[in-house]
Amino acid sequence: MIAAQAALETKMLLRNGEQLLLTVVIPALLLALFSSVDIVDTGEGEAVDFLAPGVLALAVMSTAFTGQAIATGFERRYGVLKRLASSPLPRWGLMTAKTASVLVTEILQVVLLTVIAFALGWSPHGNPAAVVALLIVGTAAFSGLGLLMAGTLKAEATLAAANLVFLLLLVGGGVIVPLEKFGPAGERILGLLPISALSDGLRDVLQHGAGMPWGDLGVLAAWAVVGLAAAGRFFRWE
């Protein structure tokens, strides 16, 4: 039942043109544009080496947080979640299926963005296991926050808030603009955000060849625990 629901969730996500734009097209365009045109000072080295890890983090956020929050919010509004909750599929099974759908979509995103980055001259380094760990824990963090928003706010409020957060974190989360540009105090504060931790962690591994970035992984784990616990406690099914 979980596998069937996960397949259905994935098909619905990939058929949604607006969500596809948010999760696939926008990150790909940002990567291609900012890697090809000297708009933002990304420091020494090739721009794509700095941008690719950040855009991978953005792709995770767009799917696990923004896309999932909006889709789940409207499912809740139209009574879809209430009907599914009364089906033989348990509620934890539904959430597991949604998470599996997010992971499948992220795999497609990572493959596409990696191909584009390589075409732009990307030269990644580091341990693939560290990258996978960061992506999984980052997905858990954003998924928990997205479900919390979808389960507590009205659908229209979720739509507005999720898109606003996406735009704010795109600018201030170290995705395209280095956190150093915001000054020492701003860098310390913004560095505690999940998108900043995921971007910096992936950049440490893929650009600088570092080992496991335990500090960034710890920030993501903390967000994951808080977000998932709060979603489990306050999520309203109707």
Protein backbone atom coordinates (compact mmCIF):
# COMPACT_ATOMS: atom_id res chain seq x y z
CA MET A 1 0.00 0.00 0.00
CA ILE A 2 2.81 2.38 0.85
CA ALA A 3 4.59 1.67 -2.44
CA ALA A 4 1.39 2.22 -4.43
CA GLN A 5 0.67 5.49 -2.63
CA ALA A 6 4.27 6.63 -3.11
CA ALA A 7 4.02 5.93 -6.85
CA LEU A 8 0.76 7.90 -7.01
CA GLU A 9 2.24 10.82 -5.07
CA THR A 10 5.26 10.90 -7.40
CA LYS A 11 3.08 10.88 -10.53
CA MET A 12 0.92 13.69 -9.16
CA LEU A 13 3.99 15.75 -8.32
CA LEU A 14 5.60 15.29 -11.72
CA ARG A 15 2.34 16.10 -13.52
CA ASN A 16 1.91 19.39 -11.66
CA GLY A 17 3.34 22.05 -13.95
CA GLU A 18 3.73 24.70 -11.25
CA GLN A 19 5.53 22.36 -8.89
CA LEU A 20 7.71 21.06 -11.71
CA LEU A 21 8.70 24.65 -12.48
CA LEU A 22 9.61 25.24 -8.85
CA THR A 23 11.47 22.00 -8.24
CA VAL A 24 13.24 21.41 -11.56
CA VAL A 25 13.19 24.34 -13.96
CA ILE A 26 14.10 27.20 -11.59
CA PRO A 27 17.14 25.47 -9.98
CA ALA A 28 18.40 24.40 -13.44
CA LEU A 29 18.02 27.91 -14.84
CA LEU A 30 19.73 29.48 -11.83
CA LEU A 31 22.65 27.09 -12.14
CA ALA A 32 23.07 27.71 -15.87
CA LEU A 33 22.61 31.49 -15.66
CA PHE A 34 24.83 32.34 -12.70
CA SER A 35 27.53 29.91 -13.84
CA SER A 36 27.67 31.46 -17.31
CA VAL A 37 27.24 35.15 -16.49
CA ASP A 38 29.41 36.98 -13.96
CA ILE A 39 26.64 38.48 -11.83
CA VAL A 40 27.62 37.47 -8.29
CA ASP A 41 31.16 37.34 -6.91
CA THR A 42 31.54 33.73 -5.78
CA GLY A 43 35.21 34.03 -4.83
CA GLU A 44 38.18 32.19 -6.27
CA GLY A 45 37.78 29.34 -8.73
CA GLU A 46 35.03 28.57 -11.20
CA ALA A 47 31.57 29.93 -10.37
CA VAL A 48 29.95 26.56 -11.03
CA ASP A 49 32.07 24.94 -8.30
CA PHE A 50 30.48 27.32 -5.79
CA LEU A 51 26.99 27.35 -7.27
CA ALA A 52 26.39 23.64 -7.92
CA PRO A 53 26.28 22.58 -4.22
CA GLY A 54 24.04 25.52 -3.36
CA VAL A 55 21.62 24.75 -6.17
CA LEU A 56 21.50 21.10 -5.08
CA ALA A 57 20.50 22.34 -1.62
CA LEU A 58 17.89 24.62 -3.21
CA ALA A 59 16.46 21.66 -5.12
CA VAL A 60 16.07 19.71 -1.87
CA MET A 61 14.31 22.65 -0.22
CA SER A 62 12.01 23.26 -3.20
CA THR A 63 10.80 19.65 -3.17
CA ALA A 64 10.85 18.63 0.50
CA PHE A 65 9.66 21.96 1.89
CA THR A 66 7.98 24.27 -0.62
CA GLY A 67 6.41 21.75 -2.98
CA GLN A 68 5.35 19.33 -0.26
CA ALA A 69 3.92 22.08 1.95
CA ILE A 70 1.78 23.53 -0.84
CA ALA A 71 0.55 20.17 -2.15
CA THR A 72 -0.24 18.80 1.34
CA GLY A 73 -1.91 22.05 2.37
CA PHE A 74 -4.40 21.90 -0.49
CA GLU A 75 -4.95 18.16 0.01
CA ARG A 76 -5.87 18.96 3.58
CA ARG A 77 -8.19 21.78 2.50
CA TYR A 78 -10.09 19.65 -0.03
CA GLY A 79 -10.50 16.77 2.40
CA VAL A 80 -8.15 14.40 0.60
CA LEU A 81 -6.07 13.75 3.71
CA LYS A 82 -9.21 13.12 5.78
CA ARG A 83 -10.40 10.47 3.33
CA LEU A 84 -6.96 8.87 3.09
CA ALA A 85 -6.72 8.82 6.88
CA SER A 86 -9.88 6.66 7.01
CA SER A 87 -8.53 4.20 4.42
CA PRO A 88 -6.65 0.97 5.24
CA LEU A 89 -3.41 2.91 4.71
CA PRO A 90 -2.31 4.11 8.19
CA ARG A 91 -1.42 7.74 8.69
CA TRP A 92 2.24 6.94 9.25
CA GLY A 93 2.13 4.99 5.99
CA LEU A 94 0.77 8.01 4.14
CA MET A 95 3.56 10.20 5.49
CA THR A 96 6.09 7.52 4.58
CA ALA A 97 4.71 7.44 1.04
CA LYS A 98 4.97 11.22 0.78
CA THR A 99 8.56 11.08 1.98
CA ALA A 100 9.38 8.36 -0.56
CA SER A 101 7.85 10.50 -3.30
CA VAL A 102 10.03 13.42 -2.24
CA LEU A 103 13.15 11.23 -2.33
CA VAL A 104 12.36 9.92 -5.83
CA THR A 105 11.85 13.46 -7.10
CA GLU A 106 15.08 14.60 -5.48
CA ILE A 107 17.02 11.79 -7.16
CA LEU A 108 15.74 13.01 -10.53
CA GLN A 109 16.67 16.58 -9.61
CA VAL A 110 20.18 15.65 -8.49
CA VAL A 111 20.81 13.67 -11.68
CA LEU A 112 19.59 16.52 -13.91
CA LEU A 113 21.50 19.25 -12.04
CA THR A 114 24.66 17.14 -11.93
CA VAL A 115 24.54 16.65 -15.71
CA ILE A 116 24.07 20.40 -16.23
CA ALA A 117 26.87 21.22 -13.80
CA PHE A 118 29.28 18.83 -15.51
CA ALA A 119 28.40 20.40 -18.85
CA LEU A 120 29.32 23.78 -17.34
CA GLY A 121 32.73 22.51 -16.19
CA TRP A 122 32.00 21.42 -12.61
CA SER A 123 34.81 19.54 -10.86
CA PRO A 124 33.41 18.00 -7.64
CA HIS A 125 35.55 16.45 -4.90
CA GLY A 126 35.01 14.74 -1.57
CA ASN A 127 33.27 11.69 -0.16
CA PRO A 128 29.95 10.70 -1.83
CA ALA A 129 28.77 9.18 1.46
CA ALA A 130 28.98 12.60 3.11
CA VAL A 131 26.93 14.11 0.28
CA VAL A 132 24.25 11.42 0.63
CA ALA A 133 24.11 11.91 4.42
CA LEU A 134 23.68 15.66 4.04
CA LEU A 135 20.94 15.26 1.44
CA ILE A 136 19.01 12.71 3.52
CA VAL A 137 19.17 14.68 6.77
CA GLY A 138 18.43 17.89 4.88
CA THR A 139 15.39 16.26 3.33
CA ALA A 140 14.16 15.21 6.78
CA ALA A 141 14.62 18.75 8.09
CA PHE A 142 12.77 20.45 5.23
CA SER A 143 10.09 17.76 5.11
CA GLY A 144 9.29 18.22 8.78
CA LEU A 145 9.04 22.00 8.40
CA GLY A 146 6.92 21.68 5.27
CA LEU A 147 4.47 19.26 6.90
CA LEU A 148 4.30 21.48 9.98
CA MET A 149 3.32 24.45 7.84
CA ALA A 150 0.83 22.46 5.76
CA GLY A 151 -0.79 20.92 8.82
CA THR A 152 -1.28 24.11 10.81
CA LEU A 153 -1.99 26.92 8.31
CA LYS A 154 -4.77 27.36 5.79
CA ALA A 155 -3.93 26.33 2.24
CA GLU A 156 -3.76 29.90 0.92
CA ALA A 157 -1.53 30.96 3.79
CA THR A 158 0.69 27.95 3.19
CA LEU A 159 0.97 28.82 -0.51
CA ALA A 160 2.01 32.40 0.26
CA ALA A 161 4.31 31.56 3.17
CA ALA A 162 6.07 28.66 1.43
CA ASN A 163 6.85 30.72 -1.66
CA LEU A 164 7.99 33.67 0.44
CA VAL A 165 10.32 31.48 2.49
CA PHE A 166 11.67 29.97 -0.74
CA LEU A 167 12.54 33.41 -2.12
CA LEU A 168 14.05 34.68 1.13
CA LEU A 169 16.23 31.62 1.62
CA LEU A 170 17.26 31.68 -2.05
CA VAL A 171 18.76 35.12 -1.44
CA GLY A 172 19.93 34.81 2.16
CA GLY A 173 20.70 31.11 2.51
CA GLY A 174 24.11 30.93 0.86
CA VAL A 175 22.72 29.34 -2.30
CA ILE A 176 23.92 31.95 -4.79
CA VAL A 177 25.26 34.77 -2.63
CA PRO A 178 28.08 33.78 -0.22
CA LEU A 179 27.14 34.29 3.42
CA GLU A 180 30.29 36.39 3.88
CA LYS A 181 28.53 39.16 1.96
CA PHE A 182 26.14 39.66 4.89
CA GLY A 183 28.86 40.55 7.40
CA PRO A 184 30.14 38.58 10.42
CA ALA A 185 26.92 38.88 12.44
CA GLY A 186 24.70 38.07 9.49
CA GLU A 187 26.88 35.12 8.54
CA ARG A 188 26.63 33.63 12.05
CA ILE A 189 22.85 34.01 12.19
CA LEU A 190 22.12 32.89 8.63
CA GLY A 191 24.49 29.96 9.07
CA LEU A 192 22.01 28.39 11.51
CA LEU A 193 19.32 28.11 8.83
CA PRO A 194 18.80 24.63 7.34
CA ILE A 195 19.38 25.83 3.76
CA SER A 196 22.66 27.48 4.81
CA ALA A 197 23.82 24.36 6.65
CA LEU A 198 22.99 22.17 3.66
CA SER A 199 24.60 24.55 1.16
CA ASP A 200 27.76 25.01 3.22
CA GLY A 201 28.03 21.32 4.02
CA LEU A 202 27.72 20.29 0.39
CA ARG A 203 30.15 23.02 -0.62
CA ASP A 204 32.74 21.93 1.95
CA VAL A 205 32.61 18.39 0.58
CA LEU A 206 32.15 18.95 -3.15
CA GLN A 207 34.21 22.12 -3.62
CA HIS A 208 36.88 21.81 -0.94
CA GLY A 209 37.08 18.03 -0.60
CA ALA A 210 36.38 18.03 3.14
CA GLY A 211 35.28 14.98 5.11
CA MET A 212 31.98 14.75 6.92
CA PRO A 213 30.93 18.33 7.90
CA TRP A 214 29.68 17.41 11.35
CA GLY A 215 28.73 20.97 12.32
CA ASP A 216 26.42 21.47 9.35
CA LEU A 217 25.07 17.95 9.72
CA GLY A 218 24.30 18.68 13.38
CA VAL A 219 22.37 21.85 12.46
CA LEU A 220 20.33 19.90 9.92
CA ALA A 221 19.70 17.07 12.41
CA ALA A 222 18.45 19.57 15.00
CA TRP A 223 16.05 21.11 12.48
CA ALA A 224 14.90 17.62 11.46
CA VAL A 225 14.14 16.56 15.03
CA VAL A 226 12.31 19.79 15.87
CA GLY A 227 10.40 19.96 12.58
CA LEU A 228 9.26 16.34 12.51
CA ALA A 229 8.35 16.33 16.21
CA ALA A 230 6.34 19.54 15.85
CA ALA A 231 4.63 18.25 12.69
CA GLY A 232 3.69 15.03 14.46
CA ARG A 233 2.33 16.97 17.43
CA PHE A 234 0.42 19.82 15.74
CA PHE A 235 -0.52 18.45 12.28
CA ARG A 236 -4.28 18.70 11.75
CA TRP A 237 -5.78 16.30 9.22
CA GLU A 238 -8.92 18.36 8.55
